[in-house]
Amino acid sequence: MYDPAIQRAVLEKLARWRRLPEGDLIGMLSAVERLRYRPEALQDLEWDGLIVARESGDERMVSITEAGEAWLRQNGGIQADVEAGE
């Protein structure tokens, strides 16, 4: 099991950037979040339909889905500038 705070952190990064290589996404996490990160977190988020992960070249590209954005809105994670598309 992974730390649920990682779910929020991953979704917040993806809400801002829309789509990222997996390595860049993990690199954007704080030092504490990287320590708590487990590969199962992305698998669970994908299983729940909150993100989509696709192979692209030698790395997976991860993007947020509408369901992921809705989850963040419900849980107070999307800021006004992200909603406005800035």
Protein backbone atom coordinates (compact mmCIF):
# COMPACT_ATOMS: atom_id res chain seq x y z
CA MET A 1 0.00 0.00 0.00
CA TYR A 2 1.21 3.51 -0.77
CA ASP A 3 0.73 6.77 1.11
CA PRO A 4 -2.56 8.38 -0.05
CA ALA A 5 -0.87 11.80 0.08
CA ILE A 6 1.11 10.67 -2.97
CA GLN A 7 -2.15 10.35 -4.92
CA ARG A 8 -2.95 14.02 -4.28
CA ALA A 9 0.61 15.15 -5.08
CA VAL A 10 0.68 13.24 -8.39
CA LEU A 11 -2.74 14.51 -9.44
CA GLU A 12 -1.85 18.10 -8.52
CA LYS A 13 1.30 17.95 -10.68
CA LEU A 14 -0.63 16.46 -13.59
CA ALA A 15 -3.44 19.00 -13.25
CA ARG A 16 -0.90 21.74 -13.72
CA TRP A 17 1.20 20.16 -16.50
CA ARG A 18 -1.48 17.93 -18.12
CA ARG A 19 1.00 15.29 -19.31
CA LEU A 20 4.47 14.35 -18.11
CA PRO A 21 7.04 11.60 -18.54
CA GLU A 22 6.94 9.36 -15.48
CA GLY A 23 10.52 10.24 -14.51
CA ASP A 24 9.82 13.97 -14.65
CA LEU A 25 6.65 13.52 -12.61
CA ILE A 26 8.51 11.65 -9.89
CA GLY A 27 11.28 14.25 -10.01
CA MET A 28 8.73 17.01 -9.30
CA LEU A 29 7.67 15.38 -6.04
CA SER A 30 9.18 16.72 -2.85
CA ALA A 31 11.98 14.77 -1.21
CA VAL A 32 9.57 13.34 1.37
CA GLU A 33 7.02 12.42 -1.32
CA ARG A 34 9.73 10.65 -3.34
CA LEU A 35 10.63 8.59 -0.27
CA ARG A 36 6.99 7.58 0.13
CA TYR A 37 6.39 7.00 -3.60
CA ARG A 38 5.77 3.43 -4.74
CA PRO A 39 5.16 2.29 -8.34
CA GLU A 40 1.81 0.87 -7.21
CA ALA A 41 0.57 4.44 -6.74
CA LEU A 42 0.45 5.07 -10.50
CA GLN A 43 -1.02 1.63 -11.13
CA ASP A 44 -3.80 2.31 -8.61
CA LEU A 45 -4.49 5.78 -10.03
CA GLU A 46 -4.72 4.27 -13.50
CA TRP A 47 -6.97 1.46 -12.26
CA ASP A 48 -9.26 4.07 -10.66
CA GLY A 49 -9.42 5.95 -13.97
CA LEU A 50 -7.78 9.09 -12.55
CA ILE A 51 -4.74 8.97 -14.85
CA VAL A 52 -3.70 7.37 -18.13
CA ALA A 53 -0.18 5.97 -18.58
CA ARG A 54 1.06 5.13 -22.09
CA GLU A 55 4.43 3.94 -23.31
CA SER A 56 6.16 6.56 -25.44
CA GLY A 57 9.66 5.73 -26.55
CA ASP A 58 11.64 4.52 -23.57
CA GLU A 59 9.43 6.03 -20.87
CA ARG A 60 5.79 6.11 -19.83
CA MET A 61 3.84 9.32 -20.36
CA VAL A 62 1.32 10.00 -17.63
CA SER A 63 -1.70 12.29 -18.05
CA ILE A 64 -4.64 13.22 -15.86
CA THR A 65 -8.18 12.30 -16.87
CA GLU A 66 -11.39 14.26 -16.36
CA ALA A 67 -12.13 11.92 -13.46
CA GLY A 68 -8.76 12.85 -11.92
CA GLU A 69 -9.55 16.54 -12.23
CA ALA A 70 -12.98 15.95 -10.70
CA TRP A 71 -11.37 14.07 -7.80
CA LEU A 72 -9.09 17.04 -7.14
CA ARG A 73 -11.98 19.52 -7.30
CA GLN A 74 -13.96 17.43 -4.81
CA ASN A 75 -10.98 17.23 -2.48
CA GLY A 76 -9.94 20.86 -2.78
CA GLY A 77 -6.80 20.18 -4.81
CA ILE A 78 -7.30 22.21 -7.98
CA GLN A 79 -6.40 25.87 -7.61
CA ALA A 80 -8.15 28.63 -9.49
CA ASP A 81 -5.23 29.20 -11.90
CA VAL A 82 -5.27 25.55 -12.95
CA GLU A 83 -9.04 25.63 -13.53
CA ALA A 84 -8.65 28.75 -15.65
CA GLY A 85 -6.04 26.97 -17.76
CA GLU A 86 -3.18 29.32 -16.87
